[in-house]
Amino acid sequence: MRDIERLKSIAMQVREDVLVMTTRAGIGHVTSSFSCMELMVALYYGDIINYDANNHCWEGRDYFIFSKGHANPVLYCILADLGFFPKSDLDLFCQPGGKVGVLLKADVPGAEIMAGSVGCGLGISAGIAHAMKMNRMDNRVFCMIGDAECREGAIWEAALHIGYRKLNNIVVIVDVNGLGATHFTELEAGMEPFAEKWEAAGFNAKRINGHNFEEIFDAFDRIDYSATGKPTVIIADTVKGKGVSFIENEPFMHGVAVSADKLEPAIFEVRGGLKV
């Protein structure tokens, strides 16, 4: 039985950690991190992904491919909290001599790929999942992509391969926060009807509220990993910048850290109105 209140508390703390780390550095994709926060917490703290923080190269692990790697602050804060690397490394986020930077680095324990240029992660995931099938391995691959990222042709090339090869050991999670780098996705290149596109490629599509832990777990718990199952895509509707009102759904907050003078009000909101 998962403790939902505990997971909500973890999400609150990770949001605060992301705020502090990025404001200190003066850079970082805060809004992109906040939109996928509950999804990430569910994956890593909700017994979905198999991992070993003390041995990040463990052969029995599930692979998490963070294709929207510009949102690495949320992943770095979670990996540090779980013990993949020292929390002190976060103090040097985007600083000279630091190990963690503005884009995802593959040499960070727990990070499987280098990412920042979007559109690449799903193809990498397809290759890993296909290799696992060929080698009769039970590992699973979880790949998180963004909705604006789905304008990349490489995403659909990979999706067609996954569906055709019936790679049901891969789960695609789409963070549908409605925004790209500078504009609303539906005003730039419409994605809808989104679920039908994935189903046409051979996927089972599940659409959920990406900030609701009950819906997240229900979607993951219903995935069919049997020999006859299809690959799954979880389409998660989210809010970019979720948790801090003055950065939510703000197009020009992409890649921008909260300024030092607004850090305390931001943390106040994240904590649900509790004083910093």
Protein backbone atom coordinates (compact mmCIF):
# COMPACT_ATOMS: atom_id res chain seq x y z
CA MET A 1 0.00 0.00 0.00
CA ARG A 2 1.51 3.29 -1.09
CA ASP A 3 1.49 6.21 1.32
CA ILE A 4 0.12 9.02 -0.86
CA GLU A 5 0.54 11.69 1.81
CA ARG A 6 4.21 10.75 2.16
CA LEU A 7 4.65 11.05 -1.60
CA LYS A 8 2.99 14.46 -1.61
CA SER A 9 5.42 15.54 1.11
CA ILE A 10 8.37 14.28 -0.94
CA ALA A 11 7.13 16.17 -4.01
CA MET A 12 6.87 19.33 -1.90
CA GLN A 13 10.43 18.91 -0.63
CA VAL A 14 11.88 18.18 -4.07
CA ARG A 15 10.16 21.29 -5.46
CA GLU A 16 11.83 23.32 -2.71
CA ASP A 17 15.20 21.69 -3.40
CA VAL A 18 14.88 22.52 -7.10
CA LEU A 19 14.03 26.13 -6.30
CA VAL A 20 16.97 26.59 -3.94
CA MET A 21 19.46 24.90 -6.28
CA THR A 22 18.45 26.79 -9.41
CA THR A 23 18.08 30.19 -7.73
CA ARG A 24 21.57 29.79 -6.25
CA ALA A 25 22.91 29.05 -9.75
CA GLY A 26 20.77 31.69 -11.45
CA ILE A 27 19.71 29.23 -14.14
CA GLY A 28 17.73 26.04 -14.57
CA HIS A 29 14.52 24.65 -16.02
CA VAL A 30 12.26 25.03 -13.01
CA THR A 31 8.87 25.05 -14.75
CA SER A 32 9.72 21.96 -16.81
CA SER A 33 10.80 20.17 -13.63
CA PHE A 34 7.63 21.10 -11.75
CA SER A 35 5.26 19.83 -14.44
CA CYS A 36 6.61 16.28 -14.18
CA MET A 37 7.24 16.34 -10.41
CA GLU A 38 4.51 13.93 -9.29
CA LEU A 39 5.32 11.56 -12.15
CA MET A 40 8.99 11.50 -11.16
CA VAL A 41 8.25 11.02 -7.47
CA ALA A 42 5.85 8.19 -8.28
CA LEU A 43 8.45 6.46 -10.45
CA TYR A 44 11.30 6.65 -7.94
CA TYR A 45 9.52 6.52 -4.58
CA GLY A 46 6.42 4.53 -5.50
CA ASP A 47 7.96 1.14 -6.28
CA ILE A 48 7.60 1.46 -10.05
CA ILE A 49 11.23 1.56 -11.20
CA ASN A 50 13.70 -1.09 -10.03
CA TYR A 51 17.05 0.51 -9.17
CA ASP A 52 20.00 0.22 -6.80
CA ALA A 53 21.32 3.60 -5.63
CA ASN A 54 24.53 1.92 -4.45
CA ASN A 55 25.11 0.29 -7.83
CA HIS A 56 23.67 2.44 -10.59
CA CYS A 57 25.06 0.05 -13.24
CA TRP A 58 23.24 -2.97 -11.74
CA GLU A 59 22.33 -5.26 -14.64
CA GLY A 60 18.89 -5.97 -13.21
CA ARG A 61 17.82 -2.33 -13.14
CA ASP A 62 15.03 -0.78 -15.12
CA TYR A 63 16.18 1.97 -17.45
CA PHE A 64 14.82 5.48 -17.03
CA ILE A 65 15.48 7.54 -20.13
CA PHE A 66 14.84 11.22 -19.46
CA SER A 67 14.44 12.50 -23.00
CA LYS A 68 13.29 15.93 -21.81
CA GLY A 69 16.69 16.22 -20.18
CA HIS A 70 16.56 20.00 -19.84
CA ALA A 71 14.33 19.29 -16.81
CA ASN A 72 17.27 17.63 -15.09
CA PRO A 73 16.95 19.63 -11.82
CA VAL A 74 14.10 17.36 -10.70
CA LEU A 75 16.06 14.21 -11.59
CA TYR A 76 19.27 15.45 -9.96
CA CYS A 77 17.49 16.36 -6.72
CA ILE A 78 15.75 12.96 -6.59
CA LEU A 79 18.92 10.99 -7.36
CA ALA A 80 20.84 12.90 -4.70
CA ASP A 81 18.07 12.33 -2.15
CA LEU A 82 18.11 8.60 -2.88
CA GLY A 83 21.88 8.38 -2.45
CA PHE A 84 23.07 7.97 -6.04
CA PHE A 85 25.56 10.77 -5.36
CA PRO A 86 26.21 13.22 -2.48
CA LYS A 87 23.68 16.00 -1.96
CA SER A 88 26.62 18.40 -1.69
CA ASP A 89 27.06 18.05 -5.47
CA LEU A 90 23.84 20.01 -5.90
CA ASP A 91 25.52 23.05 -4.33
CA LEU A 92 27.68 23.33 -7.45
CA PHE A 93 24.85 23.01 -9.95
CA CYS A 94 25.97 24.92 -13.07
CA GLN A 95 29.08 26.14 -11.23
CA PRO A 96 32.77 25.79 -12.22
CA GLY A 97 34.04 22.40 -11.08
CA GLY A 98 30.52 21.08 -10.51
CA LYS A 99 29.39 17.65 -11.67
CA VAL A 100 25.81 18.59 -12.56
CA GLY A 101 24.99 21.18 -15.20
CA VAL A 102 22.10 22.77 -17.06
CA LEU A 103 21.66 19.78 -19.38
CA LEU A 104 21.52 16.10 -18.40
CA LYS A 105 24.94 14.40 -18.34
CA ALA A 106 25.33 10.66 -18.82
CA ASP A 107 28.26 10.45 -16.38
CA VAL A 108 26.05 11.41 -13.43
CA PRO A 109 25.19 8.24 -11.43
CA GLY A 110 21.60 7.31 -12.20
CA ALA A 111 21.42 9.23 -15.49
CA GLU A 112 21.43 6.84 -18.45
CA ILE A 113 21.89 9.32 -21.29
CA MET A 114 23.08 12.80 -22.17
CA ALA A 115 20.05 14.90 -23.04
CA GLY A 116 19.13 18.45 -23.83
CA SER A 117 18.56 18.29 -27.56
CA VAL A 118 15.05 16.86 -27.51
CA GLY A 119 13.72 14.05 -29.67
CA CYS A 120 16.52 11.54 -29.09
CA GLY A 121 15.44 9.66 -25.98
CA LEU A 122 12.63 7.57 -27.42
CA GLY A 123 14.87 6.12 -30.13
CA ILE A 124 17.47 5.23 -27.51
CA SER A 125 14.73 3.64 -25.41
CA ALA A 126 13.54 1.63 -28.39
CA GLY A 127 17.04 0.27 -28.94
CA ILE A 128 17.45 -0.71 -25.28
CA ALA A 129 14.00 -2.33 -25.13
CA HIS A 130 14.61 -4.24 -28.38
CA ALA A 131 17.97 -5.52 -27.10
CA MET A 132 16.34 -6.62 -23.85
CA LYS A 133 13.74 -8.61 -25.79
CA MET A 134 16.39 -10.25 -27.95
CA ASN A 135 18.38 -11.26 -24.86
CA ARG A 136 15.25 -12.50 -23.04
CA MET A 137 15.79 -10.05 -20.19
CA ASP A 138 13.00 -8.86 -17.91
CA ASN A 139 14.26 -5.28 -17.48
CA ARG A 140 11.83 -2.54 -18.42
CA VAL A 141 12.45 0.83 -20.03
CA PHE A 142 10.64 3.97 -18.92
CA CYS A 143 11.03 6.98 -21.20
CA MET A 144 9.74 10.46 -20.36
CA ILE A 145 9.24 12.92 -23.19
CA GLY A 146 7.54 16.30 -23.49
CA ASP A 147 4.53 17.23 -25.60
CA ALA A 148 6.42 19.93 -27.51
CA GLU A 149 9.15 17.35 -28.09
CA CYS A 150 6.60 15.29 -30.01
CA ARG A 151 6.93 17.73 -32.89
CA GLU A 152 10.25 15.99 -33.62
CA GLY A 153 9.97 13.43 -36.41
CA ALA A 154 12.38 11.14 -34.58
CA ILE A 155 9.75 10.60 -31.88
CA TRP A 156 7.29 9.13 -34.35
CA GLU A 157 9.93 7.06 -36.13
CA ALA A 158 10.77 5.47 -32.78
CA ALA A 159 7.09 5.08 -31.87
CA LEU A 160 6.37 3.23 -35.10
CA HIS A 161 9.32 0.90 -34.48
CA ILE A 162 8.21 0.21 -30.90
CA GLY A 163 4.64 -0.51 -31.97
CA TYR A 164 5.62 -2.68 -34.94
CA ARG A 165 8.06 -4.74 -32.87
CA LYS A 166 5.53 -4.97 -30.01
CA LEU A 167 8.10 -3.83 -27.47
CA ASN A 168 5.78 -4.00 -24.49
CA ASN A 169 8.75 -3.77 -22.10
CA ILE A 170 8.81 -0.04 -22.76
CA VAL A 171 6.55 2.56 -21.15
CA VAL A 172 6.44 6.04 -22.67
CA ILE A 173 5.37 8.88 -20.38
CA VAL A 174 4.41 12.12 -22.10
CA ASP A 175 4.47 15.25 -19.94
CA VAL A 176 1.72 17.27 -21.60
CA ASN A 177 2.23 20.65 -19.97
CA GLY A 178 1.00 22.54 -23.00
CA LEU A 179 4.09 24.68 -23.51
CA GLY A 180 7.28 24.57 -25.52
CA ALA A 181 10.25 26.85 -25.04
CA THR A 182 8.39 30.05 -25.90
CA HIS A 183 4.77 29.32 -26.76
CA PHE A 184 1.74 27.11 -26.18
CA THR A 185 2.05 23.85 -28.12
CA GLU A 186 -1.45 23.87 -29.58
CA LEU A 187 -0.80 27.31 -31.08
CA GLU A 188 2.44 26.17 -32.73
CA ALA A 189 1.77 22.63 -33.93
CA GLY A 190 -1.34 20.89 -32.65
CA MET A 191 -0.84 17.49 -31.05
CA GLU A 192 -4.48 16.52 -30.68
CA PRO A 193 -5.98 14.00 -31.03
CA PHE A 194 -2.90 12.82 -29.14
CA ALA A 195 -3.97 9.41 -27.80
CA GLU A 196 -5.26 8.35 -31.21
CA LYS A 197 -1.87 9.07 -32.79
CA TRP A 198 -0.13 6.72 -30.34
CA GLU A 199 -2.81 4.07 -30.72
CA ALA A 200 -2.36 4.19 -34.49
CA ALA A 201 1.34 3.43 -33.91
CA GLY A 202 0.42 0.30 -31.94
CA PHE A 203 0.32 1.55 -28.34
CA ASN A 204 -2.14 1.24 -25.51
CA ALA A 205 -2.76 4.86 -24.55
CA LYS A 206 -3.82 5.96 -21.07
CA ARG A 207 -4.62 9.61 -20.33
CA ILE A 208 -4.34 10.86 -16.76
CA ASN A 209 -3.95 13.88 -14.51
CA GLY A 210 -0.17 13.95 -14.13
CA HIS A 211 -0.36 15.62 -10.71
CA ASN A 212 -2.73 13.06 -9.17
CA PHE A 213 -0.87 10.19 -7.52
CA GLU A 214 -3.91 7.91 -7.47
CA GLU A 215 -4.36 8.25 -11.23
CA ILE A 216 -0.63 7.84 -11.86
CA PHE A 217 -0.40 4.58 -9.92
CA ASP A 218 -3.62 3.23 -11.38
CA ALA A 219 -2.20 3.76 -14.89
CA PHE A 220 1.10 2.05 -14.09
CA ASP A 221 -0.53 -0.82 -12.20
CA ARG A 222 -2.74 -1.65 -15.19
CA ILE A 223 0.12 -1.99 -17.70
CA ASP A 224 0.14 -5.36 -19.46
CA TYR A 225 3.68 -6.74 -19.61
CA SER A 226 2.53 -10.17 -20.79
CA ALA A 227 3.79 -11.72 -24.00
CA THR A 228 0.71 -10.51 -25.87
CA GLY A 229 0.68 -7.00 -24.43
CA LYS A 230 1.21 -3.82 -26.42
CA PRO A 231 3.66 -1.06 -25.51
CA THR A 232 2.08 1.58 -23.29
CA VAL A 233 2.04 5.35 -23.46
CA ILE A 234 0.84 7.33 -20.45
CA ILE A 235 -0.32 10.75 -21.56
CA ALA A 236 -0.12 12.93 -18.46
CA ASP A 237 -1.86 16.29 -18.48
CA THR A 238 0.18 18.65 -16.32
CA VAL A 239 0.74 22.33 -15.55
CA LYS A 240 4.10 23.85 -16.39
CA GLY A 241 5.47 25.41 -13.19
CA LYS A 242 2.89 23.58 -11.04
CA GLY A 243 3.00 24.68 -7.41
CA VAL A 244 4.09 28.31 -7.75
CA SER A 245 1.33 30.56 -9.07
CA PHE A 246 3.52 33.28 -10.56
CA ILE A 247 5.46 30.87 -12.79
CA GLU A 248 2.60 28.54 -13.79
CA ASN A 249 1.84 28.55 -17.54
CA GLU A 250 4.26 31.42 -18.13
CA PRO A 251 5.87 30.85 -21.56
CA PHE A 252 8.95 32.96 -20.88
CA MET A 253 9.82 31.18 -17.62
CA HIS A 254 11.22 28.27 -19.64
CA GLY A 255 14.80 27.69 -18.51
CA VAL A 256 14.61 30.59 -16.08
CA ALA A 257 15.35 30.31 -12.36
CA VAL A 258 13.22 32.13 -9.82
CA SER A 259 15.01 35.33 -8.81
CA ALA A 260 16.47 35.61 -5.31
CA ASP A 261 13.87 38.17 -4.22
CA LYS A 262 11.04 35.79 -5.20
CA LEU A 263 12.54 32.61 -3.76
CA GLU A 264 10.89 32.96 -0.35
CA PRO A 265 7.40 33.58 -1.79
CA ALA A 266 7.89 30.60 -4.14
CA ILE A 267 8.86 28.28 -1.29
CA PHE A 268 5.94 29.65 0.74
CA GLU A 269 3.55 28.50 -2.00
CA VAL A 270 5.28 25.15 -2.45
CA ARG A 271 4.91 24.53 1.30
CA GLY A 272 1.23 25.25 1.09
CA GLY A 273 1.38 28.56 2.89
CA LEU A 274 3.85 27.61 5.62
CA LYS A 275 6.51 30.21 6.39
CA VAL A 276 10.05 29.67 5.12
